[in-house]
Amino acid sequence: MRRIYSLKKNPELKKIAGKLGVLEQTDQRSNVALRKAIWSTIDDLQRTHVEIPLNKEDAKTILEQLESYFPIYALFRADRPSNDSDAEVQDPMKIAVRQAMAELKPELEKIKAQVEERTLEVASRTLDKLRDFDDSLANELQPTFETEPKWESIFKLSLIGDDKIPLNKRGSGVRRLVLLSFLRAEAERKLNDSSRTNIIYAIEEPETSQHPNNQKLVIKTLKDLSMQDGCQIILTTHVPALAGMVPVNCLRRIVQDDDKQRRVEFGTDEILQSIADDLGVFPDQQMQDFVRLEGPKVFVCVEGPTDVSFFYHVSRLFKEEVDNTLPCMETDPRIIILHLGGSALKDWVKLNYLKKLKLPEFHLYDRDNDNKYQNTCDVVNARNDGSQAGLTQKREMENYLHPDAIEKGIRENGIGVKVEVNDDDSVIEAVCRRKLEIRGLEGSEFKKGLKNCKERIKRKIADKVVPNMTVAMFKERDPKNEILGWLKEIDNFLK
């Protein structure tokens, strides 16, 4: 009976049901009913896993249903022939259509159900009349929709210039700029949109035909997109400068062994040197930039990119509204601010990578709950070269934020996320928990959502909450004037 597990057509199912004596009492038009009737005659089904081809029969329909839950996958290739079907040109607009369709899926499903209901009624009435002529023929015929409707094929969206020249006839640099603009628009939309569409952008060599400034903008845009819920970025490059802009833990090194087998090595400090050897230079482009800089007085070293954003905002705000003699760290060429990055931070300090540049350093790290960077701070403070290092008195930078700014900047389903902020508890976790509560998640879905949220919410707080902070809010959350003290210490290096 193992063959019953394959996806039989209606006539085959009726034959099997007839042999088992269950055909007459079963709705012969329904494959589901026929299968259940067949199974009911067997005491032990002996169920097992078997492979079923997904490119034909009912299995294809099942796959089409499952595909609606898959993330959208958008591939942008580096080199393509320039013709009317050039996907590099069309894909950004095609993806826009596909995303719109995915977000409107409930409404489209209602339309589909209404169309099917009305047409199946006509088909059923037709078969009823056919039974007057040939009952056996009517029982063999089954009204079936062969494929799912391809909604995205209905809408054709393209970009045409005022001169009527199609975009695919323009240069590859222009086409890539359109792609970049599309991705930037998506990054901005996803920051402000509560839609749950999942999408994977795969981009080959984003540096192709682009000015270096645009290359940097590409990477910044992709990093911003990757921080949004339901969005993943995969890119390839052979350019050291671009690889250096990507966080170490996001790097992947693909190696082909002597036996032609490929393996993927994940981004860790240990494989960093191997990547450097492959690309020909150290993958952190900042080191090259420093050598060319003129006039810097101090390196400000923090943990991550969101800490850089924090300092940019507070230094600008305090200069404008508290003390105009303080430096604006975003624009002052005398200050170089670096994020040393997670596990690599201790190596930066231990190996003193910046020593040859002969500039003092100001290090500030999160206290966390275990003062894990205290020993690192002690190493810096023991150098006797004017460098300083310290820990925040609060748990981390987010603990200096005001709950009103968080409520204004972080929303879930149109509701501001309101949390309590103190000096010791994780603001990241509190915000994520509240977001998931508003979303109504529980149990395993809550745990999974909490993990994913923590990985992304830090960037969103930097982009949406920190800019909402006022001097009054900082004074309320920082009565000891820690932040003002940091800025004054940095200013002392400039004198």
Protein backbone atom coordinates (compact mmCIF):
# COMPACT_ATOMS: atom_id res chain seq x y z
CA MET A 1 0.00 0.00 0.00
CA ARG A 2 3.00 2.34 0.02
CA ARG A 3 2.08 3.69 -3.41
CA ILE A 4 -0.99 5.33 -1.87
CA TYR A 5 1.31 7.89 -0.32
CA SER A 6 2.17 9.34 -3.71
CA LEU A 7 -0.14 12.10 -4.90
CA LYS A 8 -2.67 10.16 -7.03
CA LYS A 9 -5.14 11.77 -9.39
CA ASN A 10 -8.88 11.46 -8.85
CA PRO A 11 -9.44 8.50 -11.21
CA GLU A 12 -6.61 6.53 -9.58
CA LEU A 13 -7.96 7.26 -6.10
CA LYS A 14 -11.43 6.09 -7.13
CA LYS A 15 -9.98 2.84 -8.46
CA ILE A 16 -8.22 2.14 -5.17
CA ALA A 17 -11.34 3.11 -3.18
CA GLY A 18 -13.45 0.80 -5.37
CA LYS A 19 -11.14 -2.15 -4.74
CA LEU A 20 -11.36 -1.49 -0.99
CA GLY A 21 -15.17 -1.20 -1.09
CA VAL A 22 -15.42 2.39 0.15
CA LEU A 23 -16.17 4.20 -3.11
CA GLU A 24 -19.97 4.32 -3.05
CA GLN A 25 -20.29 6.01 0.35
CA THR A 26 -17.62 8.62 -0.45
CA ASP A 27 -17.82 11.97 -2.22
CA GLN A 28 -16.08 10.94 -5.44
CA ARG A 29 -15.40 14.54 -6.44
CA SER A 30 -13.15 15.16 -3.45
CA ASN A 31 -9.62 13.77 -3.44
CA VAL A 32 -9.39 14.56 0.26
CA ALA A 33 -12.51 12.50 1.02
CA LEU A 34 -11.27 9.62 -1.13
CA ARG A 35 -7.90 9.54 0.63
CA LYS A 36 -9.53 9.57 4.06
CA ALA A 37 -11.80 6.72 3.04
CA ILE A 38 -8.83 4.69 1.79
CA TRP A 39 -6.86 5.35 4.98
CA SER A 40 -9.83 4.32 7.14
CA THR A 41 -9.61 0.77 5.78
CA ILE A 42 -6.04 0.31 6.98
CA ASP A 43 -5.36 -0.46 10.65
CA ASP A 44 -1.67 0.48 10.55
CA LEU A 45 -0.77 3.15 8.01
CA GLN A 46 2.97 2.68 8.68
CA ARG A 47 3.61 6.32 7.97
CA THR A 48 7.08 7.28 6.83
CA HIS A 49 8.86 10.16 5.12
CA VAL A 50 9.15 9.91 1.35
CA GLU A 51 10.35 12.39 -1.24
CA ILE A 52 7.63 13.76 -3.53
CA PRO A 53 8.43 15.62 -6.77
CA LEU A 54 7.24 19.20 -6.38
CA ASN A 55 7.09 20.11 -10.05
CA LYS A 56 3.89 18.31 -11.03
CA GLU A 57 0.42 17.27 -9.93
CA ASP A 58 -1.01 18.34 -6.57
CA ALA A 59 2.48 18.66 -5.08
CA LYS A 60 3.07 21.69 -7.30
CA THR A 61 -0.07 23.32 -5.90
CA ILE A 62 1.08 22.56 -2.35
CA LEU A 63 4.46 24.13 -3.08
CA GLU A 64 2.77 27.25 -4.47
CA GLN A 65 0.82 27.58 -1.22
CA LEU A 66 3.97 27.15 0.87
CA GLU A 67 5.87 29.67 -1.25
CA SER A 68 3.52 32.42 -0.08
CA TYR A 69 5.17 32.07 3.35
CA PHE A 70 8.72 32.18 2.01
CA PRO A 71 10.63 35.46 2.14
CA ILE A 72 10.88 37.38 -1.13
CA TYR A 73 14.31 36.76 -2.67
CA ALA A 74 15.69 39.55 -4.87
CA LEU A 75 18.95 38.95 -6.75
CA PHE A 76 20.78 41.89 -8.33
CA ARG A 77 23.62 40.64 -10.51
CA ALA A 78 26.72 42.61 -11.42
CA ASP A 79 26.94 41.81 -15.15
CA ARG A 80 24.01 41.29 -17.52
CA PRO A 81 23.34 41.88 -21.19
CA SER A 82 21.44 45.12 -21.72
CA ASN A 83 18.13 44.13 -23.25
CA ASP A 84 14.44 44.73 -22.64
CA SER A 85 14.25 41.86 -20.15
CA ASP A 86 17.34 43.00 -18.24
CA ALA A 87 16.51 41.97 -14.67
CA GLU A 88 19.08 44.38 -13.22
CA VAL A 89 16.88 47.18 -14.55
CA GLN A 90 13.51 45.62 -13.94
CA ASP A 91 14.09 43.91 -10.61
CA PRO A 92 13.84 46.94 -8.31
CA MET A 93 10.41 47.75 -9.75
CA LYS A 94 9.43 44.08 -9.87
CA ILE A 95 10.38 43.71 -6.23
CA ALA A 96 8.27 46.77 -5.42
CA VAL A 97 5.27 45.06 -7.06
CA ARG A 98 5.97 41.74 -5.31
CA GLN A 99 6.26 43.44 -1.93
CA ALA A 100 3.01 45.30 -2.46
CA MET A 101 1.31 42.02 -3.37
CA ALA A 102 2.72 40.30 -0.28
CA GLU A 103 1.45 43.07 1.98
CA LEU A 104 -1.99 42.97 0.34
CA LYS A 105 -2.18 39.17 0.49
CA PRO A 106 -5.29 39.02 2.79
CA GLU A 107 -7.27 41.25 0.42
CA LEU A 108 -6.08 39.31 -2.63
CA GLU A 109 -7.00 36.01 -0.98
CA LYS A 110 -10.57 37.30 -0.49
CA ILE A 111 -10.78 38.21 -4.17
CA LYS A 112 -9.37 34.83 -5.14
CA ALA A 113 -11.86 33.00 -2.91
CA GLN A 114 -14.80 34.92 -4.40
CA VAL A 115 -13.68 34.19 -7.96
CA GLU A 116 -13.19 30.49 -7.18
CA GLU A 117 -16.54 30.22 -5.42
CA ARG A 118 -18.46 31.74 -8.30
CA THR A 119 -16.66 29.79 -11.01
CA LEU A 120 -16.91 26.49 -9.11
CA GLU A 121 -20.66 27.02 -8.82
CA VAL A 122 -20.87 27.26 -12.62
CA ALA A 123 -18.66 24.16 -13.02
CA SER A 124 -20.76 22.17 -10.53
CA ARG A 125 -24.00 23.11 -12.26
CA THR A 126 -22.46 22.09 -15.57
CA LEU A 127 -21.47 18.67 -14.19
CA ASP A 128 -24.95 18.19 -12.74
CA LYS A 129 -26.44 18.70 -16.20
CA LEU A 130 -23.80 16.37 -17.69
CA ARG A 131 -24.99 13.56 -15.40
CA ASP A 132 -28.28 13.58 -17.28
CA PHE A 133 -26.31 12.41 -20.35
CA ASP A 134 -23.42 10.38 -18.87
CA ASP A 135 -23.17 9.87 -15.11
CA SER A 136 -19.80 8.08 -15.21
CA LEU A 137 -18.23 10.84 -17.30
CA ALA A 138 -19.51 13.50 -14.92
CA ASN A 139 -17.96 11.64 -11.97
CA GLU A 140 -14.61 11.51 -13.73
CA LEU A 141 -14.45 15.23 -14.40
CA GLN A 142 -13.21 17.38 -11.56
CA PRO A 143 -13.30 21.22 -11.54
CA THR A 144 -9.77 22.25 -10.58
CA PHE A 145 -7.74 25.45 -10.73
CA GLU A 146 -4.50 24.35 -12.34
CA THR A 147 -2.26 27.14 -10.97
CA GLU A 148 -2.33 29.90 -8.41
CA PRO A 149 -2.99 33.37 -9.86
CA LYS A 150 0.24 35.29 -10.58
CA TRP A 151 -0.82 38.69 -9.34
CA GLU A 152 2.56 40.35 -9.93
CA SER A 153 2.42 39.50 -13.65
CA ILE A 154 -0.64 41.73 -14.03
CA PHE A 155 1.26 44.91 -13.15
CA LYS A 156 4.15 46.07 -15.34
CA LEU A 157 6.12 48.91 -13.77
CA SER A 158 9.09 50.55 -15.50
CA LEU A 159 11.09 53.79 -15.40
CA ILE A 160 11.21 55.90 -18.57
CA GLY A 161 13.13 59.17 -18.88
CA ASP A 162 11.78 62.43 -20.32
CA ASP A 163 13.76 61.67 -23.47
CA LYS A 164 11.86 58.35 -23.78
CA ILE A 165 15.10 56.38 -23.46
CA PRO A 166 14.40 53.14 -21.50
CA LEU A 167 16.47 52.66 -18.39
CA ASN A 168 17.94 49.41 -19.69
CA LYS A 169 19.52 51.36 -22.57
CA ARG A 170 21.45 53.57 -20.17
CA GLY A 171 24.86 52.82 -18.70
CA SER A 172 25.41 50.27 -15.93
CA GLY A 173 26.40 53.06 -13.55
CA VAL A 174 23.01 54.75 -13.98
CA ARG A 175 21.20 51.44 -13.53
CA ARG A 176 23.15 50.79 -10.34
CA LEU A 177 22.22 54.26 -9.06
CA VAL A 178 18.57 53.37 -9.57
CA LEU A 179 19.16 50.19 -7.56
CA LEU A 180 20.88 52.17 -4.81
CA SER A 181 18.03 54.67 -4.71
CA PHE A 182 15.51 51.83 -4.51
CA LEU A 183 17.37 50.26 -1.57
CA ARG A 184 17.65 53.61 0.24
CA ALA A 185 13.92 54.19 -0.22
CA GLU A 186 13.26 50.71 1.15
CA ALA A 187 15.48 51.38 4.18
CA GLU A 188 13.53 54.54 4.96
CA ARG A 189 10.17 52.86 4.37
CA LYS A 190 10.95 49.89 6.59
CA LEU A 191 11.99 52.21 9.42
CA ASN A 192 8.52 53.75 9.40
CA ASP A 193 6.42 50.82 8.24
CA SER A 194 4.87 48.12 10.42
CA SER A 195 4.46 45.63 7.54
CA ARG A 196 5.77 42.13 8.18
CA THR A 197 6.98 41.35 4.63
CA ASN A 198 10.19 39.32 4.78
CA ILE A 199 12.74 39.90 2.04
CA ILE A 200 16.30 38.85 1.20
CA TYR A 201 18.36 41.18 -1.00
CA ALA A 202 21.28 39.41 -2.71
CA ILE A 203 23.61 41.89 -4.42
CA GLU A 204 26.66 40.99 -6.47
CA GLU A 205 29.55 43.45 -6.25
CA PRO A 206 27.64 46.61 -5.26
CA GLU A 207 30.72 48.66 -6.09
CA THR A 208 30.30 48.01 -9.83
CA SER A 209 30.50 51.21 -11.95
CA GLN A 210 30.22 53.43 -8.88
CA HIS A 211 32.19 56.40 -7.59
CA PRO A 212 33.89 55.65 -4.22
CA ASN A 213 31.49 58.01 -2.42
CA ASN A 214 28.53 56.09 -3.81
CA GLN A 215 30.17 52.82 -2.78
CA LYS A 216 30.26 54.02 0.83
CA LEU A 217 26.63 55.10 0.58
CA VAL A 218 25.72 51.67 -0.77
CA ILE A 219 27.24 49.91 2.25
CA LYS A 220 25.66 52.34 4.71
CA THR A 221 22.27 51.78 3.07
CA LEU A 222 22.65 48.00 3.15
CA LYS A 223 23.72 48.06 6.81
CA ASP A 224 20.68 50.19 7.68
CA LEU A 225 18.41 47.81 5.78
CA SER A 226 19.88 44.76 7.50
CA MET A 227 18.92 46.21 10.87
CA GLN A 228 15.22 46.25 9.97
CA ASP A 229 12.87 43.44 10.97
CA GLY A 230 12.28 40.89 8.23
CA CYS A 231 15.19 42.00 6.06
CA GLN A 232 18.44 40.19 5.26
CA ILE A 233 21.30 41.34 3.03
CA ILE A 234 23.76 39.09 1.20
CA LEU A 235 26.46 40.78 -0.87
CA THR A 236 29.69 39.75 -2.57
CA THR A 237 32.76 41.89 -3.16
CA HIS A 238 36.43 41.67 -4.00
CA VAL A 239 37.13 45.25 -2.92
CA PRO A 240 39.00 45.58 0.39
CA ALA A 241 37.51 49.01 1.14
CA LEU A 242 33.96 47.65 1.05
CA ALA A 243 34.85 44.55 3.07
CA GLY A 244 36.38 46.87 5.67
CA MET A 245 33.07 48.71 6.11
CA VAL A 246 31.24 45.54 7.11
CA PRO A 247 31.27 44.40 10.78
CA VAL A 248 33.65 41.49 11.37
CA ASN A 249 30.91 39.13 12.55
CA CYS A 250 29.04 39.70 9.27
CA LEU A 251 31.94 38.63 7.04
CA ARG A 252 31.97 35.22 5.35
CA ARG A 253 35.06 33.77 3.66
CA ILE A 254 34.37 31.15 0.98
CA VAL A 255 37.27 28.76 0.49
CA GLN A 256 37.77 26.09 -2.17
CA ASP A 257 39.81 23.13 -0.96
CA ASP A 258 42.28 21.11 -3.03
CA ASP A 259 39.53 18.58 -3.73
CA LYS A 260 37.36 21.38 -5.20
CA GLN A 261 34.97 21.32 -2.25
CA ARG A 262 33.82 24.70 -0.96
CA ARG A 263 33.38 25.64 2.68
CA VAL A 264 32.20 28.82 4.39
CA GLU A 265 34.20 30.33 7.25
CA PHE A 266 32.30 32.64 9.55
CA GLY A 267 33.56 36.09 10.46
CA THR A 268 35.68 35.92 13.60
CA ASP A 269 38.85 37.61 14.73
CA GLU A 270 40.71 34.37 13.97
CA ILE A 271 39.96 34.40 10.21
CA LEU A 272 40.46 38.16 9.85
CA GLN A 273 44.10 37.72 8.84
CA SER A 274 43.13 35.17 6.20
CA ILE A 275 40.68 37.64 4.70
CA ALA A 276 43.42 40.28 4.77
CA ASP A 277 45.77 37.95 2.88
CA ASP A 278 43.09 37.17 0.28
CA LEU A 279 42.25 40.81 -0.36
CA GLY A 280 45.81 42.07 -0.13
CA VAL A 281 45.32 44.61 2.69
CA PHE A 282 44.00 44.75 6.22
CA PRO A 283 40.20 44.69 5.85
CA ASP A 284 39.56 47.74 8.02
CA GLN A 285 39.73 50.63 5.56
CA GLN A 286 39.75 53.11 8.44
CA MET A 287 43.42 52.30 9.08
CA GLN A 288 44.29 53.50 5.59
CA ASP A 289 42.16 56.60 5.97
CA PHE A 290 43.93 57.58 9.21
CA VAL A 291 47.32 57.67 7.54
CA ARG A 292 46.08 60.26 5.05
CA LEU A 293 44.36 62.48 7.61
CA GLU A 294 45.89 65.82 8.52
CA GLY A 295 45.55 67.51 11.88
CA PRO A 296 43.80 64.96 14.16
CA LYS A 297 44.48 65.44 17.88
CA VAL A 298 42.71 62.49 19.53
CA PHE A 299 41.12 59.12 18.85
CA VAL A 300 37.80 58.54 20.62
CA CYS A 301 37.27 54.79 20.91
CA VAL A 302 33.85 53.25 21.64
CA GLU A 303 32.32 49.80 21.29
CA GLY A 304 29.91 49.94 18.38
CA PRO A 305 28.49 52.08 15.56
CA THR A 306 25.43 53.06 17.61
CA ASP A 307 27.79 54.57 20.21
CA VAL A 308 29.26 56.69 17.42
CA SER A 309 25.77 57.93 16.51
CA PHE A 310 25.13 58.69 20.19
CA PHE A 311 28.25 60.85 20.47
CA TYR A 312 27.53 62.65 17.21
CA HIS A 313 24.12 63.71 18.52
CA VAL A 314 25.03 64.65 22.08
CA SER A 315 28.13 66.60 21.06
CA ARG A 316 26.17 68.60 18.47
CA LEU A 317 23.27 69.17 20.90
CA PHE A 318 25.45 70.22 23.84
CA LYS A 319 27.53 72.52 21.63
CA GLU A 320 24.38 74.26 20.38
CA GLU A 321 22.49 74.51 23.67
CA VAL A 322 24.91 74.10 26.60
CA ASP A 323 28.44 75.28 25.77
CA ASN A 324 29.44 76.47 22.30
CA THR A 325 33.13 75.90 23.07
CA LEU A 326 32.57 72.14 23.12
CA PRO A 327 33.55 70.24 19.94
CA CYS A 328 31.02 68.74 17.54
CA MET A 329 32.47 65.27 17.08
CA GLU A 330 30.73 64.71 13.76
CA THR A 331 32.34 67.69 12.02
CA ASP A 332 35.49 68.53 14.01
CA PRO A 333 38.50 67.25 11.96
CA ARG A 334 40.63 67.10 15.11
CA ILE A 335 38.61 64.19 16.47
CA ILE A 336 38.63 60.69 14.99
CA ILE A 337 35.96 58.46 16.51
CA LEU A 338 36.31 54.69 16.13
CA HIS A 339 34.10 51.77 17.06
CA LEU A 340 36.42 48.92 17.93
CA GLY A 341 33.82 46.21 17.79
CA GLY A 342 32.96 43.46 20.24
CA SER A 343 35.54 40.74 20.79
CA ALA A 344 38.14 42.58 18.68
CA LEU A 345 38.14 45.49 21.14
CA LYS A 346 40.56 43.83 23.54
CA ASP A 347 42.99 43.13 20.70
CA TRP A 348 42.90 46.79 19.63
CA VAL A 349 43.94 47.75 23.14
CA LYS A 350 46.34 44.89 23.87
CA LEU A 351 48.20 45.18 20.56
CA ASN A 352 47.91 48.98 20.52
CA TYR A 353 47.18 49.16 16.78
CA LEU A 354 47.12 52.98 16.82
CA LYS A 355 50.50 53.40 18.55
CA LYS A 356 52.43 54.31 15.38
CA LEU A 357 50.12 57.25 14.76
CA LYS A 358 51.34 58.83 18.02
CA LEU A 359 48.04 60.32 19.12
CA PRO A 360 46.36 60.07 22.54
CA GLU A 361 43.20 58.00 22.85
CA PHE A 362 40.00 58.46 24.83
CA HIS A 363 38.23 55.13 25.42
CA LEU A 364 34.67 54.82 26.77
CA TYR A 365 32.92 51.46 27.14
CA ASP A 366 29.64 50.23 28.60
CA ARG A 367 29.83 49.18 32.22
CA ASP A 368 27.38 46.32 31.55
CA ASN A 369 26.65 44.17 34.61
CA ASP A 370 30.11 42.71 35.07
CA ASN A 371 32.58 45.53 34.32
CA LYS A 372 34.04 43.21 31.67
CA TYR A 373 36.11 46.01 30.10
CA GLN A 374 37.66 47.26 33.33
CA ASN A 375 40.93 45.41 32.70
CA THR A 376 41.02 46.87 29.18
CA CYS A 377 40.59 50.35 30.64
CA ASP A 378 43.42 49.69 33.10
CA VAL A 379 45.75 48.78 30.21
CA VAL A 380 45.00 52.08 28.42
CA ASN A 381 45.38 54.16 31.57
CA ALA A 382 48.78 52.55 32.27
CA ARG A 383 50.33 53.65 28.95
CA ASN A 384 51.58 57.03 30.19
CA ASP A 385 51.03 58.60 26.77
CA GLY A 386 48.12 60.81 27.77
CA SER A 387 45.45 58.27 26.84
CA GLN A 388 42.42 57.79 29.09
CA ALA A 389 39.79 55.07 29.43
CA GLY A 390 36.69 54.58 31.54
CA LEU A 391 33.33 52.85 31.89
CA THR A 392 29.88 54.38 31.90
CA GLN A 393 28.31 54.60 35.36
CA LYS A 394 25.07 53.28 33.93
CA ARG A 395 24.74 49.85 32.32
CA GLU A 396 25.08 51.09 28.71
CA MET A 397 24.48 54.12 26.51
CA GLU A 398 20.76 53.33 26.13
CA ASN A 399 20.32 53.80 29.89
CA TYR A 400 20.95 57.54 29.43
CA LEU A 401 17.85 57.82 27.21
CA HIS A 402 14.51 59.17 28.39
CA PRO A 403 11.38 56.96 28.21
CA ASP A 404 9.46 59.77 26.47
CA ALA A 405 12.01 59.80 23.64
CA ILE A 406 11.73 56.01 23.36
CA GLU A 407 7.93 56.16 23.22
CA LYS A 408 8.09 58.79 20.48
CA GLY A 409 10.73 57.02 18.40
CA ILE A 410 9.75 53.34 18.69
CA ARG A 411 6.26 52.29 17.65
CA GLU A 412 4.56 48.93 17.21
CA ASN A 413 1.27 48.63 15.34
CA GLY A 414 0.88 52.39 15.64
CA ILE A 415 1.38 52.34 19.42
CA GLY A 416 4.30 54.09 21.11
CA VAL A 417 6.50 51.69 23.06
CA LYS A 418 6.54 52.83 26.68
CA VAL A 419 9.12 51.32 29.05
CA GLU A 420 10.72 52.13 32.38
CA VAL A 421 14.36 53.20 32.15
CA ASN A 422 16.72 52.87 35.10
CA ASP A 423 20.50 52.66 35.48
CA ASP A 424 20.95 48.88 35.64
CA ASP A 425 18.39 47.00 33.51
CA SER A 426 18.67 46.37 29.78
CA VAL A 427 16.73 48.98 27.84
CA ILE A 428 17.14 46.88 24.69
CA GLU A 429 15.37 43.91 26.27
CA ALA A 430 12.66 46.07 27.84
CA VAL A 431 11.82 47.68 24.48
CA CYS A 432 11.78 44.32 22.70
CA ARG A 433 9.56 42.71 25.32
CA ARG A 434 7.06 45.56 25.11
CA LYS A 435 7.03 45.43 21.28
CA LEU A 436 6.30 41.70 21.33
CA GLU A 437 3.59 42.13 23.98
CA ILE A 438 1.87 44.71 21.79
CA ARG A 439 2.19 42.28 18.87
CA GLY A 440 0.54 39.58 21.01
CA LEU A 441 3.29 36.96 20.78
CA GLU A 442 3.58 34.22 23.41
CA GLY A 443 5.59 31.10 24.22
CA SER A 444 8.14 29.94 21.65
CA GLU A 445 7.14 32.69 19.21
CA PHE A 446 7.88 35.26 21.94
CA LYS A 447 11.33 33.76 22.62
CA LYS A 448 12.19 33.67 18.92
CA GLY A 449 10.92 37.20 18.42
CA LEU A 450 12.89 38.45 21.43
CA LYS A 451 16.15 37.10 20.02
CA ASN A 452 15.56 38.62 16.59
CA CYS A 453 14.44 41.94 18.05
CA LYS A 454 17.53 42.34 20.24
CA GLU A 455 19.76 41.98 17.21
CA ARG A 456 18.04 44.83 15.36
CA ILE A 457 16.52 47.23 17.87
CA LYS A 458 19.83 48.80 18.93
CA ARG A 459 20.23 50.40 15.50
CA LYS A 460 16.61 51.56 15.47
CA ILE A 461 17.06 53.21 18.87
CA ALA A 462 20.14 55.02 17.59
CA ASP A 463 18.29 56.24 14.49
CA LYS A 464 14.87 57.02 15.96
CA VAL A 465 15.26 57.64 19.69
CA VAL A 466 18.58 59.41 20.19
CA PRO A 467 17.61 62.27 17.82
CA ASN A 468 14.50 62.87 19.96
CA MET A 469 16.59 63.49 23.09
CA THR A 470 16.69 67.07 24.35
CA VAL A 471 19.08 68.67 26.83
CA ALA A 472 16.29 68.64 29.43
CA MET A 473 15.79 64.91 28.91
CA PHE A 474 19.53 64.24 29.26
CA LYS A 475 19.67 66.30 32.46
CA GLU A 476 16.79 64.28 33.92
CA ARG A 477 18.42 60.96 33.03
CA ASP A 478 21.98 62.15 33.79
CA PRO A 479 21.84 64.32 36.93
CA LYS A 480 25.57 63.70 37.55
CA ASN A 481 26.43 65.30 34.19
CA GLU A 482 28.45 62.31 33.04
CA ILE A 483 27.88 63.09 29.37
CA LEU A 484 28.99 66.70 29.76
CA GLY A 485 32.07 65.40 31.58
CA TRP A 486 32.99 63.10 28.68
CA LEU A 487 32.70 65.97 26.19
CA LYS A 488 34.87 68.24 28.34
CA GLU A 489 37.55 65.53 28.68
CA ILE A 490 37.61 65.09 24.91
CA ASP A 491 37.81 68.87 24.50
CA ASN A 492 40.88 68.94 26.77
CA PHE A 493 42.78 66.82 24.24
CA LEU A 494 42.27 69.56 21.64
CA LYS A 495 43.94 72.32 23.65
